[in-house]
Amino acid sequence: MSQQDLTADMLTRIRNSIRNREKSVRCLNNRLNRGVAQVLQDEGFINGFEIVDNGREGVLRVDLKYGPRGEHVIRQIDRVSKPGCRVYRGVGDLPRPLQGLGIAVVSTSRGVLSDRRCREENVGGELVAIVS
C-alpha cells in the first residue's frame, strides 16, 4: 500500500499516540518529517527524535512530551497544506496560533521553520501544520 501524504500520516500518528499516552511513536522518515520533528523539538512540544535504521530509509522515532501532572503538551495538531490544495503564506500573513502560544510549521527556502523564526528571518512559504 502506497502512502500519498507522509506528513499527514506522521501528524495523525502523533495525535493518536498522545491520546493513548504513549511515550514514543514511530513515523516514516523523509526530509519534511525530519524538519517538522526538529521544529517541534526546538519549540518544546516533544522531547526529541532519532532516526532508527531499518535497512531501508529508516524510521523516525519521536519521543513525546507531557506536563508534570501528565497533561498533554500538544493539545491540537492539524495539517493545513495538503497535496491537493497547497497553502502558501507570506511573512505578514502567517498565523499566530493561540496568540503566540502555539506554532505554525512552515516549509521555506531555508528549510522547515516555525512561524517565529520565519518572522525573524523575514521569509514565507508553505504552511505545513499548526500546533497548539
N, C-alpha and C. Protein backbone atom coordinates (compact mmCIF):
# COMPACT_ATOMS: atom_id res chain seq x y z
N MET A 1 0.84 -1.18 0.00
CA MET A 1 0.00 0.00 0.00
C MET A 1 0.88 1.24 0.00
N SER A 2 0.68 2.11 -0.95
CA SER A 2 1.49 3.32 -1.02
C SER A 2 0.80 4.44 -0.24
N GLN A 3 1.62 5.26 0.36
CA GLN A 3 1.11 6.40 1.12
C GLN A 3 1.34 7.65 0.31
N GLN A 4 0.35 8.51 0.27
CA GLN A 4 0.45 9.72 -0.53
C GLN A 4 0.97 10.90 0.28
N ASP A 5 0.45 11.09 1.49
CA ASP A 5 0.82 12.24 2.30
C ASP A 5 1.50 11.76 3.58
N LEU A 6 2.82 11.67 3.54
CA LEU A 6 3.57 11.13 4.66
C LEU A 6 3.55 12.05 5.88
N THR A 7 3.47 13.35 5.66
CA THR A 7 3.43 14.29 6.78
C THR A 7 2.10 14.21 7.51
N ALA A 8 1.00 14.10 6.78
CA ALA A 8 -0.30 13.93 7.43
C ALA A 8 -0.33 12.64 8.22
N ASP A 9 0.30 11.59 7.70
CA ASP A 9 0.38 10.33 8.42
C ASP A 9 1.17 10.50 9.72
N MET A 10 2.27 11.25 9.66
CA MET A 10 3.07 11.50 10.87
C MET A 10 2.26 12.26 11.91
N LEU A 11 1.57 13.31 11.49
CA LEU A 11 0.80 14.11 12.43
C LEU A 11 -0.34 13.29 13.05
N THR A 12 -0.96 12.43 12.26
CA THR A 12 -2.02 11.57 12.79
C THR A 12 -1.47 10.56 13.78
N ARG A 13 -0.30 10.01 13.50
CA ARG A 13 0.31 9.07 14.44
C ARG A 13 0.65 9.76 15.75
N ILE A 14 1.16 10.99 15.70
CA ILE A 14 1.47 11.75 16.91
C ILE A 14 0.18 12.04 17.68
N ARG A 15 -0.85 12.48 16.98
CA ARG A 15 -2.14 12.79 17.61
C ARG A 15 -2.72 11.56 18.32
N ASN A 16 -2.69 10.40 17.65
CA ASN A 16 -3.23 9.17 18.24
C ASN A 16 -2.38 8.69 19.41
N SER A 17 -1.07 8.82 19.32
CA SER A 17 -0.20 8.38 20.40
C SER A 17 -0.35 9.25 21.64
N ILE A 18 -0.55 10.54 21.45
CA ILE A 18 -0.78 11.42 22.60
C ILE A 18 -2.10 11.07 23.26
N ARG A 19 -3.11 10.78 22.46
CA ARG A 19 -4.41 10.40 23.00
C ARG A 19 -4.30 9.12 23.83
N ASN A 20 -3.41 8.19 23.43
CA ASN A 20 -3.22 6.93 24.15
C ASN A 20 -2.12 7.00 25.21
N ARG A 21 -1.54 8.18 25.41
CA ARG A 21 -0.49 8.45 26.40
C ARG A 21 0.74 7.55 26.23
N GLU A 22 1.17 7.37 25.00
CA GLU A 22 2.36 6.58 24.73
C GLU A 22 3.61 7.44 24.90
N LYS A 23 4.72 6.80 25.18
CA LYS A 23 5.98 7.53 25.39
C LYS A 23 6.61 7.98 24.08
N SER A 24 6.49 7.15 23.04
CA SER A 24 7.10 7.49 21.76
C SER A 24 6.25 6.95 20.64
N VAL A 25 6.54 7.41 19.43
CA VAL A 25 5.81 6.98 18.24
C VAL A 25 6.80 6.84 17.10
N ARG A 26 6.56 5.86 16.23
CA ARG A 26 7.41 5.64 15.06
C ARG A 26 6.69 6.17 13.83
N CYS A 27 7.40 6.95 13.03
CA CYS A 27 6.85 7.55 11.82
C CYS A 27 7.79 7.24 10.66
N LEU A 28 7.29 7.42 9.45
CA LEU A 28 8.11 7.24 8.28
C LEU A 28 9.11 8.38 8.16
N ASN A 29 10.29 8.07 7.68
CA ASN A 29 11.38 9.04 7.63
C ASN A 29 11.47 9.67 6.24
N ASN A 30 11.37 10.99 6.19
CA ASN A 30 11.70 11.75 4.99
C ASN A 30 12.15 13.14 5.43
N ARG A 31 12.55 13.95 4.51
CA ARG A 31 13.13 15.24 4.85
C ARG A 31 12.12 16.18 5.52
N LEU A 32 10.89 16.21 5.03
CA LEU A 32 9.87 17.09 5.61
C LEU A 32 9.50 16.64 7.02
N ASN A 33 9.36 15.33 7.24
CA ASN A 33 9.04 14.83 8.57
C ASN A 33 10.16 15.11 9.56
N ARG A 34 11.42 14.99 9.12
CA ARG A 34 12.54 15.33 9.99
C ARG A 34 12.51 16.82 10.35
N GLY A 35 12.16 17.66 9.37
CA GLY A 35 12.08 19.09 9.63
C GLY A 35 10.97 19.44 10.60
N VAL A 36 9.81 18.80 10.45
CA VAL A 36 8.69 19.04 11.37
C VAL A 36 9.07 18.58 12.77
N ALA A 37 9.71 17.42 12.89
CA ALA A 37 10.14 16.93 14.20
C ALA A 37 11.17 17.86 14.82
N GLN A 38 12.07 18.42 14.02
CA GLN A 38 13.08 19.35 14.54
C GLN A 38 12.42 20.62 15.06
N VAL A 39 11.43 21.15 14.34
CA VAL A 39 10.72 22.34 14.79
C VAL A 39 9.97 22.06 16.08
N LEU A 40 9.31 20.89 16.17
CA LEU A 40 8.59 20.54 17.39
C LEU A 40 9.55 20.40 18.57
N GLN A 41 10.74 19.88 18.33
CA GLN A 41 11.73 19.77 19.40
C GLN A 41 12.26 21.14 19.80
N ASP A 42 12.57 22.00 18.83
CA ASP A 42 13.10 23.33 19.13
C ASP A 42 12.10 24.18 19.92
N GLU A 43 10.81 24.00 19.63
CA GLU A 43 9.78 24.79 20.29
C GLU A 43 9.28 24.15 21.59
N GLY A 44 9.79 22.97 21.94
CA GLY A 44 9.47 22.36 23.22
C GLY A 44 8.19 21.53 23.25
N PHE A 45 7.71 21.08 22.10
CA PHE A 45 6.50 20.26 22.06
C PHE A 45 6.79 18.77 22.18
N ILE A 46 8.03 18.34 21.86
CA ILE A 46 8.43 16.94 22.03
C ILE A 46 9.79 16.92 22.72
N ASN A 47 10.13 15.79 23.32
CA ASN A 47 11.42 15.66 23.99
C ASN A 47 12.57 15.52 23.00
N GLY A 48 12.33 14.81 21.91
CA GLY A 48 13.38 14.61 20.93
C GLY A 48 12.94 13.61 19.89
N PHE A 49 13.85 13.33 18.96
CA PHE A 49 13.58 12.34 17.93
C PHE A 49 14.90 11.75 17.47
N GLU A 50 14.82 10.56 16.90
CA GLU A 50 16.02 9.93 16.34
C GLU A 50 15.62 9.07 15.15
N ILE A 51 16.59 8.83 14.29
CA ILE A 51 16.36 8.01 13.11
C ILE A 51 16.86 6.61 13.43
N VAL A 52 15.96 5.63 13.37
CA VAL A 52 16.28 4.24 13.64
C VAL A 52 16.44 3.53 12.30
N ASP A 53 17.57 2.87 12.11
CA ASP A 53 17.84 2.20 10.84
C ASP A 53 17.03 0.91 10.75
N ASN A 54 16.31 0.73 9.65
CA ASN A 54 15.54 -0.49 9.44
C ASN A 54 15.97 -1.21 8.16
N GLY A 55 17.11 -0.85 7.60
CA GLY A 55 17.59 -1.49 6.39
C GLY A 55 17.21 -0.76 5.12
N ARG A 56 16.19 0.11 5.19
CA ARG A 56 15.78 0.88 4.03
C ARG A 56 16.04 2.36 4.31
N GLU A 57 15.00 3.18 4.29
CA GLU A 57 15.20 4.62 4.51
C GLU A 57 15.23 4.99 5.98
N GLY A 58 14.86 4.08 6.86
CA GLY A 58 14.88 4.34 8.29
C GLY A 58 13.51 4.75 8.80
N VAL A 59 13.39 4.75 10.10
CA VAL A 59 12.15 5.11 10.78
C VAL A 59 12.46 6.23 11.75
N LEU A 60 11.58 7.19 11.83
CA LEU A 60 11.74 8.33 12.73
C LEU A 60 11.02 8.00 14.04
N ARG A 61 11.76 7.94 15.16
CA ARG A 61 11.15 7.69 16.46
C ARG A 61 11.06 9.00 17.21
N VAL A 62 9.84 9.43 17.51
CA VAL A 62 9.58 10.71 18.17
C VAL A 62 9.23 10.44 19.62
N ASP A 63 9.98 11.05 20.56
CA ASP A 63 9.70 10.92 21.99
C ASP A 63 8.75 12.03 22.40
N LEU A 64 7.56 11.64 22.84
CA LEU A 64 6.51 12.61 23.17
C LEU A 64 6.75 13.22 24.54
N LYS A 65 6.18 14.40 24.75
CA LYS A 65 6.39 15.14 25.98
C LYS A 65 5.05 15.40 26.65
N TYR A 66 5.04 15.25 27.97
CA TYR A 66 3.85 15.52 28.77
C TYR A 66 4.23 16.46 29.90
N GLY A 67 3.23 17.12 30.49
CA GLY A 67 3.46 18.04 31.58
C GLY A 67 3.79 17.31 32.88
N PRO A 68 4.07 18.05 33.96
CA PRO A 68 4.46 17.41 35.23
C PRO A 68 3.36 16.54 35.84
N ARG A 69 2.10 16.85 35.56
CA ARG A 69 0.99 16.05 36.08
C ARG A 69 0.38 15.16 35.00
N GLY A 70 1.09 14.96 33.89
CA GLY A 70 0.63 14.08 32.84
C GLY A 70 -0.26 14.74 31.80
N GLU A 71 -0.40 16.07 31.84
CA GLU A 71 -1.25 16.75 30.86
C GLU A 71 -0.55 16.82 29.51
N HIS A 72 -1.35 16.94 28.47
CA HIS A 72 -0.83 16.97 27.10
C HIS A 72 -0.11 18.30 26.84
N VAL A 73 1.07 18.22 26.25
CA VAL A 73 1.76 19.43 25.79
C VAL A 73 1.20 19.84 24.43
N ILE A 74 0.98 18.85 23.56
CA ILE A 74 0.35 19.10 22.26
C ILE A 74 -1.14 18.86 22.43
N ARG A 75 -1.92 19.91 22.38
CA ARG A 75 -3.37 19.77 22.52
C ARG A 75 -4.03 19.55 21.16
N GLN A 76 -3.50 20.19 20.14
CA GLN A 76 -4.07 20.07 18.80
C GLN A 76 -2.95 20.16 17.78
N ILE A 77 -3.00 19.30 16.78
CA ILE A 77 -2.00 19.31 15.71
C ILE A 77 -2.74 19.02 14.41
N ASP A 78 -2.74 19.98 13.50
CA ASP A 78 -3.54 19.89 12.28
C ASP A 78 -2.68 20.16 11.05
N ARG A 79 -2.94 19.43 10.00
CA ARG A 79 -2.30 19.64 8.70
C ARG A 79 -3.06 20.73 7.96
N VAL A 80 -2.37 21.71 7.42
CA VAL A 80 -3.02 22.81 6.70
C VAL A 80 -2.88 22.62 5.20
N SER A 81 -1.65 22.57 4.71
CA SER A 81 -1.40 22.40 3.29
C SER A 81 -1.44 20.92 2.95
N LYS A 82 -2.23 20.57 1.95
CA LYS A 82 -2.39 19.17 1.57
C LYS A 82 -1.90 18.99 0.14
N PRO A 83 -1.65 17.76 -0.29
CA PRO A 83 -1.18 17.56 -1.67
C PRO A 83 -2.16 18.08 -2.71
N GLY A 84 -3.45 18.05 -2.43
CA GLY A 84 -4.44 18.52 -3.39
C GLY A 84 -4.67 20.01 -3.36
N CYS A 85 -4.28 20.66 -2.26
CA CYS A 85 -4.51 22.10 -2.11
C CYS A 85 -3.39 22.69 -1.26
N ARG A 86 -2.35 23.16 -1.90
CA ARG A 86 -1.22 23.75 -1.20
C ARG A 86 -1.59 25.14 -0.70
N VAL A 87 -1.09 25.49 0.50
CA VAL A 87 -1.38 26.79 1.11
C VAL A 87 -0.05 27.50 1.33
N TYR A 88 0.13 28.62 0.65
CA TYR A 88 1.36 29.41 0.77
C TYR A 88 1.02 30.74 1.44
N ARG A 89 1.89 31.20 2.32
CA ARG A 89 1.68 32.46 3.02
C ARG A 89 2.96 33.27 3.04
N GLY A 90 2.79 34.57 2.90
CA GLY A 90 3.92 35.47 3.07
C GLY A 90 4.19 35.68 4.54
N VAL A 91 5.28 36.34 4.84
CA VAL A 91 5.67 36.51 6.24
C VAL A 91 4.65 37.35 7.00
N GLY A 92 3.98 38.28 6.35
CA GLY A 92 2.98 39.10 7.01
C GLY A 92 1.66 38.41 7.23
N ASP A 93 1.41 37.33 6.51
CA ASP A 93 0.14 36.60 6.61
C ASP A 93 0.22 35.33 7.42
N LEU A 94 1.35 35.05 8.06
CA LEU A 94 1.48 33.82 8.85
C LEU A 94 0.60 33.90 10.09
N PRO A 95 -0.11 32.82 10.42
CA PRO A 95 -0.99 32.86 11.59
C PRO A 95 -0.20 32.82 12.90
N ARG A 96 -0.83 33.30 13.96
CA ARG A 96 -0.28 33.21 15.32
C ARG A 96 -1.24 32.35 16.14
N PRO A 97 -1.05 31.03 16.16
CA PRO A 97 -1.98 30.17 16.89
C PRO A 97 -1.98 30.47 18.39
N LEU A 98 -3.15 30.56 18.97
CA LEU A 98 -3.34 30.85 20.39
C LEU A 98 -2.58 32.11 20.83
N GLN A 99 -2.61 33.12 20.00
CA GLN A 99 -1.94 34.40 20.26
C GLN A 99 -0.46 34.24 20.62
N GLY A 100 0.22 33.29 19.95
CA GLY A 100 1.64 33.10 20.14
C GLY A 100 2.02 31.93 21.02
N LEU A 101 1.06 31.26 21.66
CA LEU A 101 1.38 30.10 22.49
C LEU A 101 1.57 28.85 21.65
N GLY A 102 0.93 28.78 20.49
CA GLY A 102 1.13 27.68 19.56
C GLY A 102 2.10 28.09 18.47
N ILE A 103 2.35 27.17 17.54
CA ILE A 103 3.25 27.48 16.43
C ILE A 103 2.62 27.05 15.12
N ALA A 104 3.07 27.68 14.07
CA ALA A 104 2.76 27.25 12.71
C ALA A 104 4.07 26.74 12.11
N VAL A 105 4.03 25.56 11.53
CA VAL A 105 5.21 24.95 10.90
C VAL A 105 5.18 25.33 9.42
N VAL A 106 6.26 25.96 8.94
CA VAL A 106 6.30 26.50 7.58
C VAL A 106 7.51 25.91 6.86
N SER A 107 7.28 25.41 5.64
CA SER A 107 8.36 24.93 4.80
C SER A 107 8.82 26.08 3.91
N THR A 108 10.05 26.54 4.10
CA THR A 108 10.56 27.70 3.38
C THR A 108 11.75 27.29 2.52
N SER A 109 12.30 28.26 1.82
CA SER A 109 13.50 28.00 1.04
C SER A 109 14.72 27.81 1.94
N ARG A 110 14.61 28.17 3.21
CA ARG A 110 15.69 27.99 4.17
C ARG A 110 15.47 26.78 5.07
N GLY A 111 14.54 25.90 4.70
CA GLY A 111 14.25 24.71 5.48
C GLY A 111 12.90 24.84 6.17
N VAL A 112 12.60 23.89 7.01
CA VAL A 112 11.34 23.90 7.76
C VAL A 112 11.55 24.73 9.02
N LEU A 113 10.74 25.77 9.18
CA LEU A 113 10.89 26.71 10.30
C LEU A 113 9.56 26.91 11.01
N SER A 114 9.63 27.42 12.24
CA SER A 114 8.42 27.83 12.94
C SER A 114 8.04 29.24 12.48
N ASP A 115 6.82 29.65 12.80
CA ASP A 115 6.38 30.98 12.37
C ASP A 115 7.22 32.08 13.03
N ARG A 116 7.70 31.85 14.24
CA ARG A 116 8.56 32.85 14.90
C ARG A 116 9.87 33.04 14.15
N ARG A 117 10.50 31.93 13.78
CA ARG A 117 11.76 32.02 13.03
C ARG A 117 11.54 32.64 11.66
N CYS A 118 10.37 32.37 11.04
CA CYS A 118 10.06 32.97 9.74
C CYS A 118 9.98 34.49 9.87
N ARG A 119 9.38 34.97 10.95
CA ARG A 119 9.29 36.42 11.16
C ARG A 119 10.67 37.02 11.42
N GLU A 120 11.52 36.30 12.17
CA GLU A 120 12.88 36.78 12.42
C GLU A 120 13.69 36.87 11.13
N GLU A 121 13.55 35.85 10.28
CA GLU A 121 14.33 35.80 9.04
C GLU A 121 13.61 36.44 7.86
N ASN A 122 12.38 36.93 8.09
CA ASN A 122 11.59 37.63 7.07
C ASN A 122 11.41 36.78 5.81
N VAL A 123 10.88 35.56 6.02
CA VAL A 123 10.67 34.64 4.90
C VAL A 123 9.32 33.94 5.08
N GLY A 124 8.64 33.72 3.99
CA GLY A 124 7.36 32.99 4.00
C GLY A 124 7.53 31.67 3.29
N GLY A 125 6.42 30.93 3.16
CA GLY A 125 6.50 29.65 2.47
C GLY A 125 5.22 28.87 2.60
N GLU A 126 5.32 27.56 2.46
CA GLU A 126 4.15 26.69 2.52
C GLU A 126 3.80 26.38 3.98
N LEU A 127 2.58 26.65 4.35
CA LEU A 127 2.10 26.43 5.71
C LEU A 127 1.77 24.94 5.87
N VAL A 128 2.63 24.21 6.56
CA VAL A 128 2.51 22.76 6.66
C VAL A 128 1.52 22.35 7.73
N ALA A 129 1.67 22.85 8.96
CA ALA A 129 0.82 22.41 10.07
C ALA A 129 0.73 23.51 11.11
N ILE A 130 -0.31 23.38 11.95
CA ILE A 130 -0.48 24.28 13.10
C ILE A 130 -0.54 23.42 14.35
N VAL A 131 0.29 23.77 15.34
CA VAL A 131 0.39 23.01 16.58
C VAL A 131 0.06 23.94 17.73
N SER A 132 -0.84 23.49 18.61
CA SER A 132 -1.16 24.28 19.80
C SER A 132 -1.37 23.36 20.97
